[in-house]
Every structure is written in C-alpha cells, then in structure tokens.
C-alpha cells in the first residue's frame, strides 16, 4: 500500500513540475497548488498509514497501541493547507491584475507589467 501511495505522490509531483514549466501563468498557479498537495501527501504518508487505528491513548495507558499513526504530521498538514490556500488566493488576485495590465497570460509577455 505504501509503495502505491509513493508512486501516486511521485506522479502528482511530476504533473506539478510539468505545469509549473508551462508558459501560461494560470497553469503555473495550478502547478504550485498541485505541488503543495503532493508535499502534504508526502508528509501525511511519512506519519504512517494505518487503517482504523487512530492515534488515541486508551484510559490508563501511557502511549497509543502499537500500530498507530503519528498525529504530528496531520496537525502540520492542517496548518499547511490553510497557509497554501491563502497564498494561492493571493497569487490568483496578483496574476489577475497583472494579466489585465498586459492583456495576456503568457509569461513571456510579462516584461512591461510596471507601466
């Protein structure tokens, strides 16, 4: 199962890099969003993938039962999702304004955006 998840994460990283290297600024934003999602999946899978085993400590115990997921990566991912949403929203507004000034979304034509 973890090999399949690793292959899927690698595919998402590859798609993200491909989209970042395109000339369209909209595809750049979508590629950066995919890159963030792939990084979140990578951190999530590093915490351990166990089905139906929450990382909860039973009453009277000092640690969770043996195969349990690490809750720290999950908390980090929740924070990363909120931050990436804010950054993507800011980038969308910034690109919208820049493409209105230039009249196109081609990155090669973004040489005179300060006019």
PDB file of N, CA and C in Angstrom:
ATOM      1  N   UNK A   1       0.821  -1.195   0.000  1.00  0.00           N
ATOM      2  CA  UNK A   1       0.000   0.000   0.000  1.00  0.00           C
ATOM      3  C   UNK A   1       0.860   1.252   0.000  1.00  0.00           C
ATOM      4  N   UNK A   2       1.955   1.234   0.774  1.00  0.00           N
ATOM      5  CA  UNK A   2       2.803   2.423   0.833  1.00  0.00           C
ATOM      6  C   UNK A   2       3.562   2.639  -0.469  1.00  0.00           C
ATOM      7  N   UNK A   3       3.855   1.579  -1.196  1.00  0.00           N
ATOM      8  CA  UNK A   3       4.515   1.720  -2.491  1.00  0.00           C
ATOM      9  C   UNK A   3       3.572   2.390  -3.479  1.00  0.00           C
ATOM     10  N   UNK A   4       2.308   2.007  -3.449  1.00  0.00           N
ATOM     11  CA  UNK A   4       1.309   2.624  -4.321  1.00  0.00           C
ATOM     12  C   UNK A   4       1.146   4.107  -4.003  1.00  0.00           C
ATOM     13  N   UNK A   5       1.095   4.448  -2.729  1.00  0.00           N
ATOM     14  CA  UNK A   5       0.993   5.853  -2.326  1.00  0.00           C
ATOM     15  C   UNK A   5       2.218   6.628  -2.784  1.00  0.00           C
ATOM     16  N   UNK A   6       3.402   6.030  -2.675  1.00  0.00           N
ATOM     17  CA  UNK A   6       4.633   6.700  -3.117  1.00  0.00           C
ATOM     18  C   UNK A   6       4.621   6.947  -4.622  1.00  0.00           C
ATOM     19  N   UNK A   7       4.123   5.994  -5.389  1.00  0.00           N
ATOM     20  CA  UNK A   7       4.033   6.169  -6.842  1.00  0.00           C
ATOM     21  C   UNK A   7       3.038   7.270  -7.183  1.00  0.00           C
ATOM     22  N   UNK A   8       1.915   7.299  -6.497  1.00  0.00           N
ATOM     23  CA  UNK A   8       0.912   8.343  -6.740  1.00  0.00           C
ATOM     24  C   UNK A   8       1.480   9.719  -6.392  1.00  0.00           C
ATOM     25  N   UNK A   9       2.177   9.829  -5.277  1.00  0.00           N
ATOM     26  CA  UNK A   9       2.771  11.109  -4.881  1.00  0.00           C
ATOM     27  C   UNK A   9       3.819  11.541  -5.906  1.00  0.00           C
ATOM     28  N   UNK A  10       4.611  10.610  -6.395  1.00  0.00           N
ATOM     29  CA  UNK A  10       5.591  10.928  -7.433  1.00  0.00           C
ATOM     30  C   UNK A  10       4.931  11.407  -8.714  1.00  0.00           C
ATOM     31  N   UNK A  11       3.804  10.793  -9.078  1.00  0.00           N
ATOM     32  CA  UNK A  11       3.054  11.233 -10.263  1.00  0.00           C
ATOM     33  C   UNK A  11       2.494  12.636 -10.098  1.00  0.00           C
ATOM     34  N   UNK A  12       2.010  12.933  -8.907  1.00  0.00           N
ATOM     35  CA  UNK A  12       1.485  14.280  -8.651  1.00  0.00           C
ATOM     36  C   UNK A  12       2.613  15.307  -8.690  1.00  0.00           C
ATOM     37  N   UNK A  13       3.778  14.959  -8.118  1.00  0.00           N
ATOM     38  CA  UNK A  13       4.943  15.853  -8.205  1.00  0.00           C
ATOM     39  C   UNK A  13       5.338  16.082  -9.666  1.00  0.00           C
ATOM     40  N   UNK A  14       5.333  15.032 -10.474  1.00  0.00           N
ATOM     41  CA  UNK A  14       5.705  15.157 -11.881  1.00  0.00           C
ATOM     42  C   UNK A  14       4.717  16.054 -12.625  1.00  0.00           C
ATOM     43  N   UNK A  15       3.430  15.869 -12.383  1.00  0.00           N
ATOM     44  CA  UNK A  15       2.414  16.730 -13.017  1.00  0.00           C
ATOM     45  C   UNK A  15       2.577  18.179 -12.577  1.00  0.00           C
ATOM     46  N   UNK A  16       2.892  18.384 -11.314  1.00  0.00           N
ATOM     47  CA  UNK A  16       3.070  19.743 -10.797  1.00  0.00           C
ATOM     48  C   UNK A  16       4.272  20.418 -11.452  1.00  0.00           C
ATOM     49  N   UNK A  17       5.378  19.713 -11.561  1.00  0.00           N
ATOM     50  CA  UNK A  17       6.568  20.295 -12.194  1.00  0.00           C
ATOM     51  C   UNK A  17       6.302  20.593 -13.657  1.00  0.00           C
ATOM     52  N   UNK A  18       5.596  19.700 -14.349  1.00  0.00           N
ATOM     53  CA  UNK A  18       5.250  19.930 -15.750  1.00  0.00           C
ATOM     54  C   UNK A  18       4.396  21.183 -15.899  1.00  0.00           C
ATOM     55  N   UNK A  19       3.428  21.348 -15.020  1.00  0.00           N
ATOM     56  CA  UNK A  19       2.552  22.519 -15.118  1.00  0.00           C
ATOM     57  C   UNK A  19       3.284  23.804 -14.738  1.00  0.00           C
ATOM     58  N   UNK A  20       4.217  23.733 -13.819  1.00  0.00           N
ATOM     59  CA  UNK A  20       4.991  24.922 -13.441  1.00  0.00           C
ATOM     60  C   UNK A  20       5.863  25.378 -14.615  1.00  0.00           C
ATOM     61  N   UNK A  21       6.354  24.460 -15.417  1.00  0.00           N
ATOM     62  CA  UNK A  21       7.230  24.803 -16.530  1.00  0.00           C
ATOM     63  C   UNK A  21       6.485  25.278 -17.777  1.00  0.00           C
ATOM     64  N   UNK A  22       5.180  25.304 -17.762  1.00  0.00           N
ATOM     65  CA  UNK A  22       4.406  25.804 -18.896  1.00  0.00           C
ATOM     66  C   UNK A  22       4.485  27.319 -18.958  1.00  0.00           C
ATOM     67  N   UNK A  23       4.111  27.906 -20.096  1.00  0.00           N
ATOM     68  CA  UNK A  23       4.208  29.354 -20.259  1.00  0.00           C
ATOM     69  C   UNK A  23       3.000  30.093 -19.700  1.00  0.00           C
ATOM     70  N   UNK A  24       1.908  29.441 -19.522  1.00  0.00           N
ATOM     71  CA  UNK A  24       0.699  30.101 -19.019  1.00  0.00           C
ATOM     72  C   UNK A  24       0.805  30.321 -17.517  1.00  0.00           C
ATOM     73  N   UNK A  25       0.459  31.517 -17.094  1.00  0.00           N
ATOM     74  CA  UNK A  25       0.552  31.850 -15.668  1.00  0.00           C
ATOM     75  C   UNK A  25      -0.543  31.135 -14.867  1.00  0.00           C
ATOM     76  N   UNK A  26      -1.662  30.821 -15.500  1.00  0.00           N
ATOM     77  CA  UNK A  26      -2.733  30.086 -14.817  1.00  0.00           C
ATOM     78  C   UNK A  26      -2.271  28.656 -14.529  1.00  0.00           C
ATOM     79  N   UNK A  27      -1.571  28.057 -15.480  1.00  0.00           N
ATOM     80  CA  UNK A  27      -1.035  26.710 -15.261  1.00  0.00           C
ATOM     81  C   UNK A  27       0.055  26.724 -14.196  1.00  0.00           C
ATOM     82  N   UNK A  28       0.780  27.827 -14.090  1.00  0.00           N
ATOM     83  CA  UNK A  28       1.770  27.964 -13.031  1.00  0.00           C
ATOM     84  C   UNK A  28       1.103  27.918 -11.661  1.00  0.00           C
ATOM     85  N   UNK A  29       0.003  28.622 -11.508  1.00  0.00           N
ATOM     86  CA  UNK A  29      -0.715  28.617 -10.228  1.00  0.00           C
ATOM     87  C   UNK A  29      -1.271  27.227  -9.933  1.00  0.00           C
ATOM     88  N   UNK A  30      -1.829  26.572 -10.938  1.00  0.00           N
ATOM     89  CA  UNK A  30      -2.361  25.225 -10.723  1.00  0.00           C
ATOM     90  C   UNK A  30      -1.233  24.250 -10.384  1.00  0.00           C
ATOM     91  N   UNK A  31      -0.062  24.424 -11.010  1.00  0.00           N
ATOM     92  CA  UNK A  31       1.082  23.578 -10.698  1.00  0.00           C
ATOM     93  C   UNK A  31       1.576  23.785  -9.278  1.00  0.00           C
ATOM     94  N   UNK A  32       1.592  25.032  -8.824  1.00  0.00           N
ATOM     95  CA  UNK A  32       2.004  25.296  -7.446  1.00  0.00           C
ATOM     96  C   UNK A  32       1.005  24.717  -6.443  1.00  0.00           C
ATOM     97  N   UNK A  33      -0.275  24.770  -6.785  1.00  0.00           N
ATOM     98  CA  UNK A  33      -1.279  24.156  -5.909  1.00  0.00           C
ATOM     99  C   UNK A  33      -1.085  22.638  -5.851  1.00  0.00           C
ATOM    100  N   UNK A  34      -0.836  22.019  -7.003  1.00  0.00           N
ATOM    101  CA  UNK A  34      -0.576  20.575  -7.022  1.00  0.00           C
ATOM    102  C   UNK A  34       0.690  20.221  -6.249  1.00  0.00           C
ATOM    103  N   UNK A  35       1.704  21.063  -6.364  1.00  0.00           N
ATOM    104  CA  UNK A  35       2.944  20.826  -5.641  1.00  0.00           C
ATOM    105  C   UNK A  35       2.703  20.856  -4.133  1.00  0.00           C
ATOM    106  N   UNK A  36       1.879  21.791  -3.680  1.00  0.00           N
ATOM    107  CA  UNK A  36       1.537  21.849  -2.257  1.00  0.00           C
ATOM    108  C   UNK A  36       0.770  20.621  -1.801  1.00  0.00           C
ATOM    109  N   UNK A  37      -0.160  20.166  -2.636  1.00  0.00           N
ATOM    110  CA  UNK A  37      -0.927  18.971  -2.278  1.00  0.00           C
ATOM    111  C   UNK A  37      -0.028  17.733  -2.235  1.00  0.00           C
ATOM    112  N   UNK A  38       0.889  17.635  -3.188  1.00  0.00           N
ATOM    113  CA  UNK A  38       1.800  16.487  -3.195  1.00  0.00           C
ATOM    114  C   UNK A  38       2.705  16.499  -1.962  1.00  0.00           C
ATOM    115  N   UNK A  39       3.168  17.678  -1.583  1.00  0.00           N
ATOM    116  CA  UNK A  39       4.002  17.766  -0.382  1.00  0.00           C
ATOM    117  C   UNK A  39       3.199  17.390   0.861  1.00  0.00           C
ATOM    118  N   UNK A  40       1.936  17.806   0.917  1.00  0.00           N
ATOM    119  CA  UNK A  40       1.085  17.429   2.048  1.00  0.00           C
ATOM    120  C   UNK A  40       0.880  15.921   2.099  1.00  0.00           C
ATOM    121  N   UNK A  41       0.660  15.302   0.951  1.00  0.00           N
ATOM    122  CA  UNK A  41       0.503  13.841   0.922  1.00  0.00           C
ATOM    123  C   UNK A  41       1.786  13.131   1.346  1.00  0.00           C
ATOM    124  N   UNK A  42       2.930  13.694   0.954  1.00  0.00           N
ATOM    125  CA  UNK A  42       4.199  13.099   1.347  1.00  0.00           C
ATOM    126  C   UNK A  42       4.387  13.151   2.861  1.00  0.00           C
ATOM    127  N   UNK A  43       4.089  14.288   3.455  1.00  0.00           N
ATOM    128  CA  UNK A  43       4.206  14.409   4.917  1.00  0.00           C
ATOM    129  C   UNK A  43       3.201  13.489   5.607  1.00  0.00           C
ATOM    130  N   UNK A  44       1.998  13.409   5.062  1.00  0.00           N
ATOM    131  CA  UNK A  44       0.969  12.552   5.655  1.00  0.00           C
ATOM    132  C   UNK A  44       1.381  11.086   5.610  1.00  0.00           C
ATOM    133  N   UNK A  45       1.944  10.656   4.487  1.00  0.00           N
ATOM    134  CA  UNK A  45       2.353   9.256   4.390  1.00  0.00           C
ATOM    135  C   UNK A  45       3.575   8.965   5.256  1.00  0.00           C
ATOM    136  N   UNK A  46       4.415   9.968   5.516  1.00  0.00           N
ATOM    137  CA  UNK A  46       5.575   9.762   6.386  1.00  0.00           C
ATOM    138  C   UNK A  46       5.148   9.516   7.827  1.00  0.00           C
ATOM    139  N   UNK A  47       3.966   9.998   8.212  1.00  0.00           N
ATOM    140  CA  UNK A  47       3.465   9.794   9.566  1.00  0.00           C
ATOM    141  C   UNK A  47       2.951   8.393   9.813  1.00  0.00           C
ATOM    142  N   UNK A  48       2.807   7.618   8.768  1.00  0.00           N
ATOM    143  CA  UNK A  48       2.315   6.244   8.913  1.00  0.00           C
ATOM    144  C   UNK A  48       0.877   6.135   8.467  1.00  0.00           C
ATOM    145  N   UNK A  49       0.602   5.109   7.682  1.00  0.00           N
ATOM    146  CA  UNK A  49      -0.744   4.876   7.186  1.00  0.00           C
ATOM    147  C   UNK A  49      -1.265   3.572   7.781  1.00  0.00           C
ATOM    148  N   UNK A  50      -2.147   3.696   8.737  1.00  0.00           N
ATOM    149  CA  UNK A  50      -2.739   2.520   9.369  1.00  0.00           C
ATOM    150  C   UNK A  50      -4.245   2.674   9.320  1.00  0.00           C
ATOM    151  N   UNK A  51      -4.911   1.657   8.823  1.00  0.00           N
ATOM    152  CA  UNK A  51      -6.358   1.707   8.663  1.00  0.00           C
ATOM    153  C   UNK A  51      -7.060   1.417   9.982  1.00  0.00           C
ATOM    154  N   UNK A  52      -7.993   2.287  10.325  1.00  0.00           N
ATOM    155  CA  UNK A  52      -8.857   2.127  11.506  1.00  0.00           C
ATOM    156  C   UNK A  52      -8.062   2.059  12.801  1.00  0.00           C
ATOM    157  N   UNK A  53      -6.939   2.758  12.881  1.00  0.00           N
ATOM    158  CA  UNK A  53      -6.137   2.792  14.099  1.00  0.00           C
ATOM    159  C   UNK A  53      -5.853   4.255  14.449  1.00  0.00           C
ATOM    160  N   UNK A  54      -6.755   4.911  15.140  1.00  0.00           N
ATOM    161  CA  UNK A  54      -6.498   6.308  15.500  1.00  0.00           C
ATOM    162  C   UNK A  54      -5.372   6.408  16.535  1.00  0.00           C
ATOM    163  N   UNK A  55      -4.731   7.542  16.555  1.00  0.00           N
ATOM    164  CA  UNK A  55      -3.625   7.765  17.489  1.00  0.00           C
ATOM    165  C   UNK A  55      -4.171   8.299  18.807  1.00  0.00           C
ATOM    166  N   UNK A  56      -5.000   7.521  19.447  1.00  0.00           N
ATOM    167  CA  UNK A  56      -5.598   7.900  20.721  1.00  0.00           C
ATOM    168  C   UNK A  56      -5.034   7.013  21.825  1.00  0.00           C
ATOM    169  N   UNK A  57      -4.815   7.595  22.963  1.00  0.00           N
ATOM    170  CA  UNK A  57      -4.294   6.854  24.109  1.00  0.00           C
ATOM    171  C   UNK A  57      -5.480   6.355  24.920  1.00  0.00           C
ATOM    172  N   UNK A  58      -5.533   5.066  25.146  1.00  0.00           N
ATOM    173  CA  UNK A  58      -6.622   4.466  25.911  1.00  0.00           C
ATOM    174  C   UNK A  58      -6.525   4.890  27.379  1.00  0.00           C
ATOM    175  N   UNK A  59      -7.649   4.927  28.083  1.00  0.00           N
ATOM    176  CA  UNK A  59      -7.591   5.284  29.509  1.00  0.00           C
ATOM    177  C   UNK A  59      -6.711   4.304  30.290  1.00  0.00           C
ATOM    178  N   UNK A  60      -5.832   4.837  31.097  1.00  0.00           N
ATOM    179  CA  UNK A  60      -4.931   4.011  31.893  1.00  0.00           C
ATOM    180  C   UNK A  60      -3.631   3.665  31.201  1.00  0.00           C
ATOM    181  N   UNK A  61      -3.489   3.999  29.920  1.00  0.00           N
ATOM    182  CA  UNK A  61      -2.268   3.717  29.169  1.00  0.00           C
ATOM    183  C   UNK A  61      -1.406   4.978  29.095  1.00  0.00           C
ATOM    184  N   UNK A  62      -0.143   4.806  28.753  1.00  0.00           N
ATOM    185  CA  UNK A  62       0.752   5.958  28.603  1.00  0.00           C
ATOM    186  C   UNK A  62       1.097   6.253  27.153  1.00  0.00           C
ATOM    187  N   UNK A  63       0.795   5.336  26.254  1.00  0.00           N
ATOM    188  CA  UNK A  63       1.086   5.522  24.834  1.00  0.00           C
ATOM    189  C   UNK A  63      -0.006   4.843  24.018  1.00  0.00           C
ATOM    190  N   UNK A  64      -0.184   5.231  22.761  1.00  0.00           N
ATOM    191  CA  UNK A  64      -1.179   4.547  21.923  1.00  0.00           C
ATOM    192  C   UNK A  64      -0.761   3.104  21.645  1.00  0.00           C
ATOM    193  N   UNK A  65      -1.706   2.295  21.233  1.00  0.00           N
ATOM    194  CA  UNK A  65      -1.408   0.901  20.900  1.00  0.00           C
ATOM    195  C   UNK A  65      -0.444   0.836  19.717  1.00  0.00           C
ATOM    196  N   UNK A  66       0.201  -0.319  19.563  1.00  0.00           N
ATOM    197  CA  UNK A  66       1.367  -0.469  18.681  1.00  0.00           C
ATOM    198  C   UNK A  66       1.251   0.145  17.286  1.00  0.00           C
ATOM    199  N   UNK A  67       0.463  -0.347  16.356  1.00  0.00           N
ATOM    200  CA  UNK A  67       0.455   0.307  15.037  1.00  0.00           C
ATOM    201  C   UNK A  67      -0.528   1.477  15.027  1.00  0.00           C
ATOM    202  N   UNK A  68      -0.031   2.667  15.244  1.00  0.00           N
ATOM    203  CA  UNK A  68      -0.885   3.856  15.231  1.00  0.00           C
ATOM    204  C   UNK A  68      -0.204   4.952  14.433  1.00  0.00           C
ATOM    205  N   UNK A  69      -0.995   5.775  13.792  1.00  0.00           N
ATOM    206  CA  UNK A  69      -0.460   6.877  13.001  1.00  0.00           C
ATOM    207  C   UNK A  69       0.059   7.979  13.919  1.00  0.00           C
ATOM    208  N   UNK A  70       1.080   8.674  13.469  1.00  0.00           N
ATOM    209  CA  UNK A  70       1.643   9.792  14.222  1.00  0.00           C
ATOM    210  C   UNK A  70       0.753  11.021  14.009  1.00  0.00           C
ATOM    211  N   UNK A  71       0.240  11.654  15.061  1.00  0.00           N
ATOM    212  CA  UNK A  71      -0.675  12.778  14.879  1.00  0.00           C
ATOM    213  C   UNK A  71       0.020  14.097  14.527  1.00  0.00           C
ATOM    214  N   UNK A  72       1.322  14.209  14.732  1.00  0.00           N
ATOM    215  CA  UNK A  72       2.016  15.463  14.453  1.00  0.00           C
ATOM    216  C   UNK A  72       2.001  15.830  12.969  1.00  0.00           C
ATOM    217  N   UNK A  73       2.287  14.924  12.024  1.00  0.00           N
ATOM    218  CA  UNK A  73       2.195  15.301  10.613  1.00  0.00           C
ATOM    219  C   UNK A  73       0.788  15.731  10.207  1.00  0.00           C
ATOM    220  N   UNK A  74      -0.219  15.138  10.808  1.00  0.00           N
ATOM    221  CA  UNK A  74      -1.589  15.532  10.485  1.00  0.00           C
ATOM    222  C   UNK A  74      -1.858  16.968  10.907  1.00  0.00           C
ATOM    223  N   UNK A  75      -1.364  17.355  12.065  1.00  0.00           N
ATOM    224  CA  UNK A  75      -1.533  18.728  12.523  1.00  0.00           C
ATOM    225  C   UNK A  75      -0.747  19.697  11.643  1.00  0.00           C
ATOM    226  N   UNK A  76       0.453  19.311  11.234  1.00  0.00           N
ATOM    227  CA  UNK A  76       1.245  20.162  10.349  1.00  0.00           C
ATOM    228  C   UNK A  76       0.567  20.346   8.993  1.00  0.00           C
ATOM    229  N   UNK A  77      -0.058  19.299   8.497  1.00  0.00           N
ATOM    230  CA  UNK A  77      -0.729  19.371   7.207  1.00  0.00           C
ATOM    231  C   UNK A  77      -1.939  20.294   7.282  1.00  0.00           C
ATOM    232  N   UNK A  78      -2.677  20.249   8.369  1.00  0.00           N
ATOM    233  CA  UNK A  78      -3.816  21.159   8.513  1.00  0.00           C
ATOM    234  C   UNK A  78      -3.363  22.609   8.452  1.00  0.00           C
ATOM    235  N   UNK A  79      -2.254  22.913   9.089  1.00  0.00           N
ATOM    236  CA  UNK A  79      -1.716  24.265   9.034  1.00  0.00           C
ATOM    237  C   UNK A  79      -1.246  24.600   7.628  1.00  0.00           C
ATOM    238  N   UNK A  80      -0.589  23.664   6.971  1.00  0.00           N
ATOM    239  CA  UNK A  80      -0.089  23.901   5.614  1.00  0.00           C
ATOM    240  C   UNK A  80      -1.218  24.113   4.621  1.00  0.00           C
ATOM    241  N   UNK A  81      -2.341  23.441   4.801  1.00  0.00           N
ATOM    242  CA  UNK A  81      -3.487  23.617   3.908  1.00  0.00           C
ATOM    243  C   UNK A  81      -4.020  25.035   4.009  1.00  0.00           C
ATOM    244  N   UNK A  82      -4.149  25.540   5.208  1.00  0.00           N
ATOM    245  CA  UNK A  82      -4.666  26.898   5.404  1.00  0.00           C
ATOM    246  C   UNK A  82      -3.706  27.930   4.817  1.00  0.00           C
ATOM    247  N   UNK A  83      -2.418  27.755   5.056  1.00  0.00           N
ATOM    248  CA  UNK A  83      -1.436  28.708   4.529  1.00  0.00           C
ATOM    249  C   UNK A  83      -1.389  28.647   3.010  1.00  0.00           C
ATOM    250  N   UNK A  84      -1.406  27.458   2.436  1.00  0.00           N
ATOM    251  CA  UNK A  84      -1.362  27.349   0.974  1.00  0.00           C
ATOM    252  C   UNK A  84      -2.615  27.917   0.332  1.00  0.00           C
ATOM    253  N   UNK A  85      -3.759  27.789   0.986  1.00  0.00           N
ATOM    254  CA  UNK A  85      -4.979  28.393   0.454  1.00  0.00           C
ATOM    255  C   UNK A  85      -4.837  29.912   0.396  1.00  0.00           C
ATOM    256  N   UNK A  86      -4.299  30.513   1.436  1.00  0.00           N
ATOM    257  CA  UNK A  86      -4.096  31.962   1.442  1.00  0.00           C
ATOM    258  C   UNK A  86      -3.108  32.413   0.380  1.00  0.00           C
ATOM    259  N   UNK A  87      -2.017  31.672   0.209  1.00  0.00           N
ATOM    260  CA  UNK A  87      -1.005  32.033  -0.789  1.00  0.00           C
ATOM    261  C   UNK A  87      -1.565  31.888  -2.198  1.00  0.00           C
ATOM    262  N   UNK A  88      -2.307  30.817  -2.461  1.00  0.00           N
ATOM    263  CA  UNK A  88      -2.894  30.613  -3.784  1.00  0.00           C
ATOM    264  C   UNK A  88      -3.930  31.704  -4.076  1.00  0.00           C
ATOM    265  N   UNK A  89      -4.739  32.071  -3.097  1.00  0.00           N
ATOM    266  CA  UNK A  89      -5.718  33.138  -3.305  1.00  0.00           C
ATOM    267  C   UNK A  89      -5.019  34.459  -3.609  1.00  0.00           C
ATOM    268  N   UNK A  90      -3.948  34.766  -2.880  1.00  0.00           N
ATOM    269  CA  UNK A  90      -3.191  35.987  -3.152  1.00  0.00           C
ATOM    270  C   UNK A  90      -2.578  35.947  -4.546  1.00  0.00           C
ATOM    271  N   UNK A  91      -2.020  34.805  -4.941  1.00  0.00           N
ATOM    272  CA  UNK A  91      -1.427  34.687  -6.272  1.00  0.00           C
ATOM    273  C   UNK A  91      -2.472  34.841  -7.365  1.00  0.00           C
ATOM    274  N   UNK A  92      -3.666  34.330  -7.149  1.00  0.00           N
ATOM    275  CA  UNK A  92      -4.716  34.463  -8.154  1.00  0.00           C
ATOM    276  C   UNK A  92      -5.094  35.921  -8.361  1.00  0.00           C
ATOM    277  N   UNK A  93      -5.196  36.677  -7.283  1.00  0.00           N
ATOM    278  CA  UNK A  93      -5.517  38.097  -7.401  1.00  0.00           C
ATOM    279  C   UNK A  93      -4.376  38.850  -8.078  1.00  0.00           C
ATOM    280  N   UNK A  94      -3.152  38.545  -7.697  1.00  0.00           N
ATOM    281  CA  UNK A  94      -1.989  39.198  -8.279  1.00  0.00           C
ATOM    282  C   UNK A  94      -1.868  38.904  -9.770  1.00  0.00           C
ATOM    283  N   UNK A  95      -2.070  37.664 -10.164  1.00  0.00           N
ATOM    284  CA  UNK A  95      -1.989  37.288 -11.574  1.00  0.00           C
ATOM    285  C   UNK A  95      -3.151  37.890 -12.348  1.00  0.00           C
ATOM    286  N   UNK A  96      -4.311  37.958 -11.747  1.00  0.00           N
ATOM    287  CA  UNK A  96      -5.459  38.578 -12.413  1.00  0.00           C
ATOM    288  C   UNK A  96      -5.167  40.034 -12.738  1.00  0.00           C
ATOM    289  N   UNK A  97      -4.602  40.744 -11.792  1.00  0.00           N
ATOM    290  CA  UNK A  97      -4.268  42.153 -12.015  1.00  0.00           C
ATOM    291  C   UNK A  97      -3.156  42.307 -13.051  1.00  0.00           C
ATOM    292  N   UNK A  98      -2.162  41.446 -12.993  1.00  0.00           N
ATOM    293  CA  UNK A  98      -1.061  41.521 -13.953  1.00  0.00           C
ATOM    294  C   UNK A  98      -1.520  41.170 -15.365  1.00  0.00           C
ATOM    295  N   UNK A  99      -2.386  40.181 -15.501  1.00  0.00           N
ATOM    296  CA  UNK A  99      -2.867  39.817 -16.834  1.00  0.00           C
ATOM    297  C   UNK A  99      -3.799  40.878 -17.402  1.00  0.00           C
ATOM    298  N   UNK A 100      -4.506  41.623 -16.551  1.00  0.00           N
ATOM    299  CA  UNK A 100      -5.297  42.753 -17.037  1.00  0.00           C
ATOM    300  C   UNK A 100      -4.389  43.855 -17.570  1.00  0.00           C
ATOM    301  N   UNK A 101      -3.256  44.080 -16.914  1.00  0.00           N
ATOM    302  CA  UNK A 101      -2.330  45.121 -17.349  1.00  0.00           C
ATOM    303  C   UNK A 101      -1.646  44.754 -18.658  1.00  0.00           C
ATOM    304  N   UNK A 102      -1.294  43.477 -18.815  1.00  0.00           N
ATOM    305  CA  UNK A 102      -0.586  43.042 -20.012  1.00  0.00           C
ATOM    306  C   UNK A 102      -1.560  42.687 -21.125  1.00  0.00           C
ATOM    307  N   UNK A 103      -2.690  42.104 -20.771  1.00  0.00           N
ATOM    308  CA  UNK A 103      -3.675  41.697 -21.766  1.00  0.00           C
ATOM    309  C   UNK A 103      -3.529  40.258 -22.210  1.00  0.00           C
ATOM    310  N   UNK A 104      -2.663  39.497 -21.551  1.00  0.00           N
ATOM    311  CA  UNK A 104      -2.429  38.109 -21.911  1.00  0.00           C
ATOM    312  C   UNK A 104      -1.902  37.383 -20.685  1.00  0.00           C
ATOM    313  N   UNK A 105      -1.998  36.047 -20.688  1.00  0.00           N
ATOM    314  CA  UNK A 105      -1.471  35.289 -19.548  1.00  0.00           C
ATOM    315  C   UNK A 105      -0.170  34.569 -19.888  1.00  0.00           C
ATOM    316  N   UNK A 106       0.448  34.924 -21.016  1.00  0.00           N
ATOM    317  CA  UNK A 106       1.729  34.336 -21.410  1.00  0.00           C
ATOM    318  C   UNK A 106       2.848  34.996 -20.613  1.00  0.00           C
ATOM    319  N   UNK A 107       3.687  34.177 -19.969  1.00  0.00           N
ATOM    320  CA  UNK A 107       4.730  34.728 -19.128  1.00  0.00           C
ATOM    321  C   UNK A 107       5.814  35.448 -19.909  1.00  0.00           C
ATOM    322  N   UNK A 108       5.980  35.134 -21.185  1.00  0.00           N
ATOM    323  CA  UNK A 108       6.971  35.833 -21.999  1.00  0.00           C
ATOM    324  C   UNK A 108       6.573  37.285 -22.275  1.00  0.00           C
ATOM    325  N   UNK A 109       5.275  37.579 -22.180  1.00  0.00           N
ATOM    326  CA  UNK A 109       4.802  38.939 -22.431  1.00  0.00           C
ATOM    327  C   UNK A 109       4.713  39.765 -21.150  1.00  0.00           C
ATOM    328  N   UNK A 110       5.142  39.222 -20.023  1.00  0.00           N
ATOM    329  CA  UNK A 110       5.066  39.942 -18.753  1.00  0.00           C
ATOM    330  C   UNK A 110       6.296  40.809 -18.513  1.00  0.00           C
ATOM    331  N   UNK A 111       6.835  41.414 -19.552  1.00  0.00           N
ATOM    332  CA  UNK A 111       8.029  42.247 -19.388  1.00  0.00           C
ATOM    333  C   UNK A 111       7.680  43.689 -19.078  1.00  0.00           C
ATOM    334  N   UNK A 112       6.455  44.103 -19.367  1.00  0.00           N
ATOM    335  CA  UNK A 112       6.084  45.508 -19.166  1.00  0.00           C
ATOM    336  C   UNK A 112       4.905  45.641 -18.211  1.00  0.00           C
ATOM    337  N   UNK A 113       4.940  44.945 -17.097  1.00  0.00           N
ATOM    338  CA  UNK A 113       3.817  44.999 -16.164  1.00  0.00           C
ATOM    339  C   UNK A 113       3.864  46.208 -15.261  1.00  0.00           C
ATOM    340  N   UNK A 114       4.974  46.952 -15.236  1.00  0.00           N
ATOM    341  CA  UNK A 114       5.083  48.089 -14.335  1.00  0.00           C
ATOM    342  C   UNK A 114       4.604  49.395 -14.966  1.00  0.00           C
ATOM    343  N   UNK A 115       3.981  49.343 -16.106  1.00  0.00           N
ATOM    344  CA  UNK A 115       3.502  50.555 -16.768  1.00  0.00           C
ATOM    345  C   UNK A 115       2.151  50.982 -16.239  1.00  0.00           C
TER     346      UNK A 115
END
